[in-house]
Amino acid sequence: RGLIGVYHDWCESFSTYPRTYDLLHSNFLFSNLPERCAIIDLVAEMDRIVRPGGYVVIQESKQMINKVGSIFRSLQWSVNLYNDQYLVGQKSLWRPEGGEVQR
């Protein structure tokens, strides 16, 4: 794997397989979204393309970090905040309790 920089219109789904990336980084992406994009849709897309154990590093305003962090937590990510402007989240390999697979 390598480090590849990509510019993408996050209002569209990312043309990739699920669980492809180890790391996503964004710099004021959420605060610069056009009105046609919902924050929750963008976080759901990030959740789809990051593999379990992978990370997101997000630089945003404190207000936006709080909004985004709560969405990631609801998706069972571990979230840490640094200097009131950086969110570092790690995707867990989460399964619902009692969710045994029936065969």
C-alpha atoms as a PDB file:
ATOM      1  CA  ARG A   1       0.000   0.000   0.000  1.00  0.00           C
ATOM      2  CA  GLY A   2       1.084   3.527  -0.571  1.00  0.00           C
ATOM      3  CA  LEU A   3       0.112   7.015   0.412  1.00  0.00           C
ATOM      4  CA  ILE A   4      -2.071   8.415  -2.341  1.00  0.00           C
ATOM      5  CA  GLY A   5      -3.548  11.899  -2.260  1.00  0.00           C
ATOM      6  CA  VAL A   6      -6.992  12.089  -3.808  1.00  0.00           C
ATOM      7  CA  TYR A   7      -9.301  15.003  -4.500  1.00  0.00           C
ATOM      8  CA  HIS A   8     -12.898  13.891  -4.402  1.00  0.00           C
ATOM      9  CA  ASP A   9     -16.394  15.369  -4.404  1.00  0.00           C
ATOM     10  CA  TRP A  10     -17.573  13.958  -1.079  1.00  0.00           C
ATOM     11  CA  CYS A  11     -21.185  14.665  -2.009  1.00  0.00           C
ATOM     12  CA  GLU A  12     -20.864  11.631  -4.291  1.00  0.00           C
ATOM     13  CA  SER A  13     -20.037   8.105  -3.184  1.00  0.00           C
ATOM     14  CA  PHE A  14     -16.387   7.151  -3.507  1.00  0.00           C
ATOM     15  CA  SER A  15     -15.715   4.767  -6.384  1.00  0.00           C
ATOM     16  CA  THR A  16     -13.914   2.077  -4.391  1.00  0.00           C
ATOM     17  CA  TYR A  17     -14.516  -1.197  -2.639  1.00  0.00           C
ATOM     18  CA  PRO A  18     -15.630  -1.127   1.006  1.00  0.00           C
ATOM     19  CA  ARG A  19     -12.894  -1.393   3.634  1.00  0.00           C
ATOM     20  CA  THR A  20     -10.155  -0.275   1.251  1.00  0.00           C
ATOM     21  CA  TYR A  21      -8.288   2.468   3.129  1.00  0.00           C
ATOM     22  CA  ASP A  22      -6.144   2.426   6.268  1.00  0.00           C
ATOM     23  CA  LEU A  23      -6.172   6.216   6.718  1.00  0.00           C
ATOM     24  CA  LEU A  24      -8.308   9.166   5.655  1.00  0.00           C
ATOM     25  CA  HIS A  25      -7.276  12.752   6.378  1.00  0.00           C
ATOM     26  CA  SER A  26      -9.425  15.837   5.944  1.00  0.00           C
ATOM     27  CA  ASN A  27      -8.659  19.491   6.493  1.00  0.00           C
ATOM     28  CA  PHE A  28     -11.820  21.584   7.102  1.00  0.00           C
ATOM     29  CA  LEU A  29     -13.812  19.346   4.750  1.00  0.00           C
ATOM     30  CA  PHE A  30     -17.008  19.316   6.815  1.00  0.00           C
ATOM     31  CA  SER A  31     -17.209  23.083   7.291  1.00  0.00           C
ATOM     32  CA  ASN A  32     -16.709  23.645   3.556  1.00  0.00           C
ATOM     33  CA  LEU A  33     -19.402  21.256   2.354  1.00  0.00           C
ATOM     34  CA  PRO A  34     -22.073  22.654   0.106  1.00  0.00           C
ATOM     35  CA  GLU A  35     -25.639  22.635   1.405  1.00  0.00           C
ATOM     36  CA  ARG A  36     -26.492  19.581  -0.697  1.00  0.00           C
ATOM     37  CA  CYS A  37     -24.347  17.290   1.468  1.00  0.00           C
ATOM     38  CA  ALA A  38     -25.358  16.010   4.886  1.00  0.00           C
ATOM     39  CA  ILE A  39     -22.596  15.465   7.439  1.00  0.00           C
ATOM     40  CA  ILE A  40     -24.004  12.085   8.417  1.00  0.00           C
ATOM     41  CA  ASP A  41     -23.829  10.875   4.795  1.00  0.00           C
ATOM     42  CA  LEU A  42     -20.178  11.862   4.551  1.00  0.00           C
ATOM     43  CA  VAL A  43     -19.329  10.085   7.824  1.00  0.00           C
ATOM     44  CA  ALA A  44     -21.211   6.983   6.650  1.00  0.00           C
ATOM     45  CA  GLU A  45     -19.142   6.978   3.447  1.00  0.00           C
ATOM     46  CA  MET A  46     -15.926   7.303   5.469  1.00  0.00           C
ATOM     47  CA  ASP A  47     -17.078   4.398   7.636  1.00  0.00           C
ATOM     48  CA  ARG A  48     -17.747   2.323   4.520  1.00  0.00           C
ATOM     49  CA  ILE A  49     -14.325   2.778   2.917  1.00  0.00           C
ATOM     50  CA  VAL A  50     -12.065   2.599   6.004  1.00  0.00           C
ATOM     51  CA  ARG A  51     -11.083  -0.908   7.046  1.00  0.00           C
ATOM     52  CA  PRO A  52     -11.494  -2.066  10.672  1.00  0.00           C
ATOM     53  CA  GLY A  53      -8.491  -0.821  12.629  1.00  0.00           C
ATOM     54  CA  GLY A  54      -8.086   2.074  10.175  1.00  0.00           C
ATOM     55  CA  TYR A  55      -8.008   5.753  11.102  1.00  0.00           C
ATOM     56  CA  VAL A  56      -9.473   9.115  10.197  1.00  0.00           C
ATOM     57  CA  VAL A  57      -7.659  12.339  11.055  1.00  0.00           C
ATOM     58  CA  ILE A  58      -9.897  15.381  10.813  1.00  0.00           C
ATOM     59  CA  GLN A  59      -8.972  19.026  11.350  1.00  0.00           C
ATOM     60  CA  GLU A  60     -12.010  21.233  11.944  1.00  0.00           C
ATOM     61  CA  SER A  61     -13.500  23.897  14.183  1.00  0.00           C
ATOM     62  CA  LYS A  62     -14.350  22.792  17.720  1.00  0.00           C
ATOM     63  CA  GLN A  63     -18.092  22.991  17.011  1.00  0.00           C
ATOM     64  CA  MET A  64     -17.797  20.780  13.922  1.00  0.00           C
ATOM     65  CA  ILE A  65     -15.439  18.339  15.693  1.00  0.00           C
ATOM     66  CA  ASN A  66     -18.115  17.821  18.371  1.00  0.00           C
ATOM     67  CA  LYS A  67     -20.800  17.102  15.741  1.00  0.00           C
ATOM     68  CA  VAL A  68     -18.622  14.745  13.717  1.00  0.00           C
ATOM     69  CA  GLY A  69     -17.221  13.015  16.805  1.00  0.00           C
ATOM     70  CA  SER A  70     -20.685  12.131  18.084  1.00  0.00           C
ATOM     71  CA  ILE A  71     -21.566  10.531  14.738  1.00  0.00           C
ATOM     72  CA  PHE A  72     -18.358   8.467  14.704  1.00  0.00           C
ATOM     73  CA  ARG A  73     -19.010   7.350  18.298  1.00  0.00           C
ATOM     74  CA  SER A  74     -22.504   6.191  17.309  1.00  0.00           C
ATOM     75  CA  LEU A  75     -20.812   3.969  14.700  1.00  0.00           C
ATOM     76  CA  GLN A  76     -18.656   2.394  17.459  1.00  0.00           C
ATOM     77  CA  TRP A  77     -15.429   4.213  16.529  1.00  0.00           C
ATOM     78  CA  SER A  78     -12.967   5.197  19.256  1.00  0.00           C
ATOM     79  CA  VAL A  79     -12.505   8.963  19.067  1.00  0.00           C
ATOM     80  CA  ASN A  80      -9.839  11.221  20.591  1.00  0.00           C
ATOM     81  CA  LEU A  81      -9.692  15.015  20.406  1.00  0.00           C
ATOM     82  CA  TYR A  82      -6.470  17.040  20.334  1.00  0.00           C
ATOM     83  CA  ASN A  83      -6.006  20.814  20.741  1.00  0.00           C
ATOM     84  CA  ASP A  84      -9.758  21.373  20.234  1.00  0.00           C
ATOM     85  CA  GLN A  85      -9.318  21.124  16.459  1.00  0.00           C
ATOM     86  CA  TYR A  86      -8.130  17.599  15.639  1.00  0.00           C
ATOM     87  CA  LEU A  87     -10.188  14.435  15.775  1.00  0.00           C
ATOM     88  CA  VAL A  88      -8.431  11.091  15.474  1.00  0.00           C
ATOM     89  CA  GLY A  89     -10.820   8.186  15.118  1.00  0.00           C
ATOM     90  CA  GLN A  90     -10.128   4.476  14.861  1.00  0.00           C
ATOM     91  CA  LYS A  91     -12.679   2.102  13.388  1.00  0.00           C
ATOM     92  CA  SER A  92     -13.412  -0.928  15.519  1.00  0.00           C
ATOM     93  CA  LEU A  93     -14.373  -4.406  14.442  1.00  0.00           C
ATOM     94  CA  TRP A  94     -17.771  -4.050  16.072  1.00  0.00           C
ATOM     95  CA  ARG A  95     -20.478  -6.679  16.212  1.00  0.00           C
ATOM     96  CA  PRO A  96     -23.790  -6.407  18.052  1.00  0.00           C
ATOM     97  CA  GLU A  97     -23.988  -8.286  21.337  1.00  0.00           C
ATOM     98  CA  GLY A  98     -25.648 -11.665  20.982  1.00  0.00           C
ATOM     99  CA  GLY A  99     -25.302 -11.390  17.219  1.00  0.00           C
ATOM    100  CA  GLU A 100     -24.246 -14.950  16.515  1.00  0.00           C
ATOM    101  CA  VAL A 101     -24.417 -16.049  12.911  1.00  0.00           C
ATOM    102  CA  GLN A 102     -27.102 -18.635  12.208  1.00  0.00           C
ATOM    103  CA  ARG A 103     -26.041 -21.386   9.805  1.00  0.00           C
END
